[in-house]
Amino acid sequence: MTEGKDDRARALALYMIESGGTVRSAAAKFGISKSTVHKELVETLPHCSPALFRQVRELMERNKSERHIRGGMATRRKYLSREE
């Protein structure tokens, strides 16, 4: 069971790093919940691949600092589409 979790944690990290994606986009891509993605990245990945963990942690920090911008853009798109 651990080897499968390790492989999935690595796959999640590689997907996020290569695509610059978010936890939400990784969850959608892999068909699992955001909570599961976050848990595997934060709890499993540091033990099986510390180097990948450092990279994905940096990406997650950046995403967290930008989330208010993405939320504002989504709200803008929502109201612009209502006008059409």
N, C-alpha and C. Protein backbone atom coordinates (compact mmCIF):
# COMPACT_ATOMS: atom_id res chain seq x y z
N MET A 1 0.83 -1.20 0.00
CA MET A 1 0.00 0.00 0.00
C MET A 1 0.86 1.25 0.00
N THR A 2 1.95 1.24 0.75
CA THR A 2 2.80 2.42 0.84
C THR A 2 3.43 2.75 -0.50
N GLU A 3 3.87 1.73 -1.24
CA GLU A 3 4.50 1.98 -2.53
C GLU A 3 3.53 2.65 -3.49
N GLY A 4 2.28 2.26 -3.47
CA GLY A 4 1.26 2.88 -4.32
C GLY A 4 1.03 4.33 -3.95
N LYS A 5 0.99 4.61 -2.65
CA LYS A 5 0.83 5.99 -2.19
C LYS A 5 2.04 6.82 -2.57
N ASP A 6 3.24 6.24 -2.44
CA ASP A 6 4.46 6.95 -2.81
C ASP A 6 4.44 7.30 -4.29
N ASP A 7 4.05 6.33 -5.12
CA ASP A 7 3.99 6.57 -6.57
C ASP A 7 2.98 7.64 -6.91
N ARG A 8 1.82 7.58 -6.26
CA ARG A 8 0.79 8.59 -6.55
C ARG A 8 1.22 9.96 -6.07
N ALA A 9 1.88 10.03 -4.92
CA ALA A 9 2.36 11.32 -4.42
C ALA A 9 3.38 11.91 -5.39
N ARG A 10 4.29 11.07 -5.90
CA ARG A 10 5.26 11.54 -6.89
C ARG A 10 4.57 12.01 -8.17
N ALA A 11 3.58 11.24 -8.63
CA ALA A 11 2.85 11.60 -9.85
C ALA A 11 2.10 12.92 -9.67
N LEU A 12 1.49 13.11 -8.52
CA LEU A 12 0.80 14.37 -8.24
C LEU A 12 1.77 15.54 -8.26
N ALA A 13 2.91 15.35 -7.60
CA ALA A 13 3.91 16.42 -7.54
C ALA A 13 4.44 16.75 -8.93
N LEU A 14 4.76 15.74 -9.70
CA LEU A 14 5.28 15.98 -11.05
C LEU A 14 4.25 16.69 -11.91
N TYR A 15 3.00 16.28 -11.81
CA TYR A 15 1.94 16.95 -12.59
C TYR A 15 1.86 18.42 -12.22
N MET A 16 1.84 18.70 -10.91
CA MET A 16 1.71 20.10 -10.48
C MET A 16 2.92 20.93 -10.90
N ILE A 17 4.11 20.38 -10.76
CA ILE A 17 5.32 21.12 -11.12
C ILE A 17 5.37 21.37 -12.62
N GLU A 18 5.10 20.34 -13.42
CA GLU A 18 5.19 20.48 -14.87
C GLU A 18 4.11 21.40 -15.43
N SER A 19 2.92 21.34 -14.86
CA SER A 19 1.82 22.15 -15.39
C SER A 19 1.70 23.49 -14.68
N GLY A 20 2.36 23.63 -13.53
CA GLY A 20 2.19 24.84 -12.74
C GLY A 20 0.80 24.88 -12.12
N GLY A 21 0.19 23.72 -11.98
CA GLY A 21 -1.19 23.61 -11.54
C GLY A 21 -1.39 23.80 -10.06
N THR A 22 -2.64 23.70 -9.69
CA THR A 22 -3.05 23.87 -8.30
C THR A 22 -3.47 22.52 -7.73
N VAL A 23 -3.70 22.49 -6.44
CA VAL A 23 -4.20 21.28 -5.80
C VAL A 23 -5.55 20.90 -6.42
N ARG A 24 -6.36 21.89 -6.70
CA ARG A 24 -7.68 21.66 -7.30
C ARG A 24 -7.54 21.03 -8.69
N SER A 25 -6.61 21.53 -9.51
CA SER A 25 -6.44 20.98 -10.86
C SER A 25 -5.88 19.56 -10.81
N ALA A 26 -4.99 19.29 -9.86
CA ALA A 26 -4.44 17.94 -9.70
C ALA A 26 -5.54 16.98 -9.25
N ALA A 27 -6.41 17.44 -8.36
CA ALA A 27 -7.50 16.59 -7.89
C ALA A 27 -8.42 16.22 -9.06
N ALA A 28 -8.72 17.19 -9.90
CA ALA A 28 -9.59 16.93 -11.05
C ALA A 28 -8.91 15.97 -12.03
N LYS A 29 -7.63 16.17 -12.28
CA LYS A 29 -6.89 15.34 -13.22
C LYS A 29 -6.82 13.88 -12.75
N PHE A 30 -6.59 13.67 -11.47
CA PHE A 30 -6.41 12.32 -10.94
C PHE A 30 -7.71 11.71 -10.40
N GLY A 31 -8.79 12.49 -10.38
CA GLY A 31 -10.07 11.97 -9.93
C GLY A 31 -10.14 11.68 -8.44
N ILE A 32 -9.46 12.50 -7.65
CA ILE A 32 -9.48 12.35 -6.19
C ILE A 32 -9.81 13.70 -5.57
N SER A 33 -10.04 13.73 -4.27
CA SER A 33 -10.42 14.98 -3.62
C SER A 33 -9.21 15.88 -3.39
N LYS A 34 -9.50 17.17 -3.22
CA LYS A 34 -8.44 18.14 -2.91
C LYS A 34 -7.76 17.77 -1.60
N SER A 35 -8.54 17.28 -0.65
CA SER A 35 -7.98 16.90 0.65
C SER A 35 -6.97 15.76 0.50
N THR A 36 -7.29 14.80 -0.36
CA THR A 36 -6.39 13.67 -0.59
C THR A 36 -5.10 14.14 -1.26
N VAL A 37 -5.24 15.02 -2.25
CA VAL A 37 -4.04 15.56 -2.92
C VAL A 37 -3.16 16.25 -1.90
N HIS A 38 -3.74 17.14 -1.12
CA HIS A 38 -2.97 17.89 -0.14
C HIS A 38 -2.31 16.96 0.88
N LYS A 39 -3.06 16.01 1.36
CA LYS A 39 -2.54 15.07 2.37
C LYS A 39 -1.37 14.27 1.81
N GLU A 40 -1.50 13.77 0.58
CA GLU A 40 -0.41 12.99 0.00
C GLU A 40 0.82 13.85 -0.25
N LEU A 41 0.61 15.09 -0.67
CA LEU A 41 1.76 15.96 -0.93
C LEU A 41 2.46 16.38 0.36
N VAL A 42 1.70 16.61 1.40
CA VAL A 42 2.28 17.12 2.64
C VAL A 42 2.76 16.00 3.57
N GLU A 43 2.07 14.86 3.57
CA GLU A 43 2.44 13.79 4.51
C GLU A 43 3.27 12.68 3.89
N THR A 44 2.98 12.31 2.65
CA THR A 44 3.66 11.17 2.02
C THR A 44 4.92 11.61 1.27
N LEU A 45 4.80 12.65 0.48
CA LEU A 45 5.90 13.07 -0.39
C LEU A 45 7.20 13.41 0.34
N PRO A 46 7.17 14.09 1.48
CA PRO A 46 8.44 14.42 2.15
C PRO A 46 9.28 13.18 2.50
N HIS A 47 8.61 12.06 2.75
CA HIS A 47 9.33 10.84 3.13
C HIS A 47 9.86 10.08 1.92
N CYS A 48 9.13 10.13 0.81
CA CYS A 48 9.55 9.34 -0.35
C CYS A 48 10.38 10.15 -1.34
N SER A 49 10.24 11.47 -1.36
CA SER A 49 11.00 12.29 -2.29
C SER A 49 11.14 13.73 -1.76
N PRO A 50 12.10 13.95 -0.88
CA PRO A 50 12.26 15.28 -0.29
C PRO A 50 12.52 16.39 -1.33
N ALA A 51 13.24 16.09 -2.38
CA ALA A 51 13.53 17.11 -3.40
C ALA A 51 12.25 17.54 -4.11
N LEU A 52 11.42 16.58 -4.49
CA LEU A 52 10.13 16.91 -5.13
C LEU A 52 9.25 17.69 -4.16
N PHE A 53 9.29 17.30 -2.90
CA PHE A 53 8.47 17.99 -1.90
C PHE A 53 8.85 19.47 -1.80
N ARG A 54 10.14 19.76 -1.82
CA ARG A 54 10.58 21.16 -1.75
C ARG A 54 10.04 21.96 -2.94
N GLN A 55 10.09 21.36 -4.12
CA GLN A 55 9.60 22.05 -5.32
C GLN A 55 8.08 22.26 -5.26
N VAL A 56 7.35 21.24 -4.88
CA VAL A 56 5.90 21.36 -4.86
C VAL A 56 5.45 22.26 -3.72
N ARG A 57 6.16 22.26 -2.63
CA ARG A 57 5.82 23.16 -1.52
C ARG A 57 5.97 24.61 -1.95
N GLU A 58 7.03 24.90 -2.70
CA GLU A 58 7.24 26.26 -3.21
C GLU A 58 6.09 26.66 -4.15
N LEU A 59 5.68 25.75 -5.01
CA LEU A 59 4.57 26.01 -5.92
C LEU A 59 3.27 26.24 -5.14
N MET A 60 3.04 25.42 -4.13
CA MET A 60 1.82 25.56 -3.33
C MET A 60 1.81 26.89 -2.56
N GLU A 61 2.97 27.31 -2.09
CA GLU A 61 3.07 28.62 -1.40
C GLU A 61 2.74 29.75 -2.37
N ARG A 62 3.28 29.66 -3.59
CA ARG A 62 3.00 30.69 -4.60
C ARG A 62 1.52 30.70 -4.94
N ASN A 63 0.93 29.52 -5.14
CA ASN A 63 -0.50 29.44 -5.44
C ASN A 63 -1.34 30.04 -4.32
N LYS A 64 -0.92 29.79 -3.10
CA LYS A 64 -1.66 30.32 -1.95
C LYS A 64 -1.60 31.85 -1.93
N SER A 65 -0.44 32.39 -2.27
CA SER A 65 -0.31 33.85 -2.25
C SER A 65 -1.06 34.51 -3.40
N GLU A 66 -1.37 33.75 -4.45
CA GLU A 66 -2.06 34.30 -5.63
C GLU A 66 -3.54 33.96 -5.67
N ARG A 67 -4.03 33.19 -4.72
CA ARG A 67 -5.40 32.69 -4.82
C ARG A 67 -6.44 33.81 -4.83
N HIS A 68 -6.19 34.90 -4.12
CA HIS A 68 -7.16 36.00 -4.11
C HIS A 68 -7.27 36.64 -5.49
N ILE A 69 -6.18 36.63 -6.24
CA ILE A 69 -6.20 37.18 -7.60
C ILE A 69 -7.04 36.29 -8.51
N ARG A 70 -6.79 34.96 -8.44
CA ARG A 70 -7.57 34.03 -9.26
C ARG A 70 -9.05 34.09 -8.90
N GLY A 71 -9.36 34.24 -7.62
CA GLY A 71 -10.76 34.34 -7.20
C GLY A 71 -11.43 35.58 -7.76
N GLY A 72 -10.70 36.69 -7.75
CA GLY A 72 -11.24 37.93 -8.31
C GLY A 72 -11.47 37.82 -9.81
N MET A 73 -10.54 37.16 -10.50
CA MET A 73 -10.68 36.98 -11.94
C MET A 73 -11.88 36.09 -12.26
N ALA A 74 -12.09 35.06 -11.46
CA ALA A 74 -13.24 34.17 -11.67
C ALA A 74 -14.55 34.92 -11.46
N THR A 75 -14.59 35.76 -10.44
CA THR A 75 -15.79 36.55 -10.18
C THR A 75 -16.05 37.51 -11.34
N ARG A 76 -15.00 38.13 -11.86
CA ARG A 76 -15.12 39.04 -13.00
C ARG A 76 -15.69 38.32 -14.22
N ARG A 77 -15.14 37.14 -14.51
CA ARG A 77 -15.63 36.34 -15.65
C ARG A 77 -17.10 35.99 -15.46
N LYS A 78 -17.47 35.66 -14.24
CA LYS A 78 -18.85 35.28 -13.94
C LYS A 78 -19.80 36.42 -14.28
N TYR A 79 -19.48 37.62 -13.83
CA TYR A 79 -20.38 38.74 -14.07
C TYR A 79 -20.31 39.24 -15.50
N LEU A 80 -19.17 39.11 -16.17
CA LEU A 80 -19.10 39.48 -17.58
C LEU A 80 -19.94 38.55 -18.43
N SER A 81 -19.94 37.25 -18.10
CA SER A 81 -20.74 36.30 -18.87
C SER A 81 -22.22 36.52 -18.66
N ARG A 82 -22.62 37.06 -17.54
CA ARG A 82 -24.05 37.35 -17.28
C ARG A 82 -24.53 38.51 -18.14
N GLU A 83 -23.62 39.43 -18.45
CA GLU A 83 -23.98 40.59 -19.26
C GLU A 83 -24.24 40.21 -20.71
N GLU A 84 -23.62 39.13 -21.17
CA GLU A 84 -23.75 38.75 -22.58
C GLU A 84 -25.03 38.11 -22.91
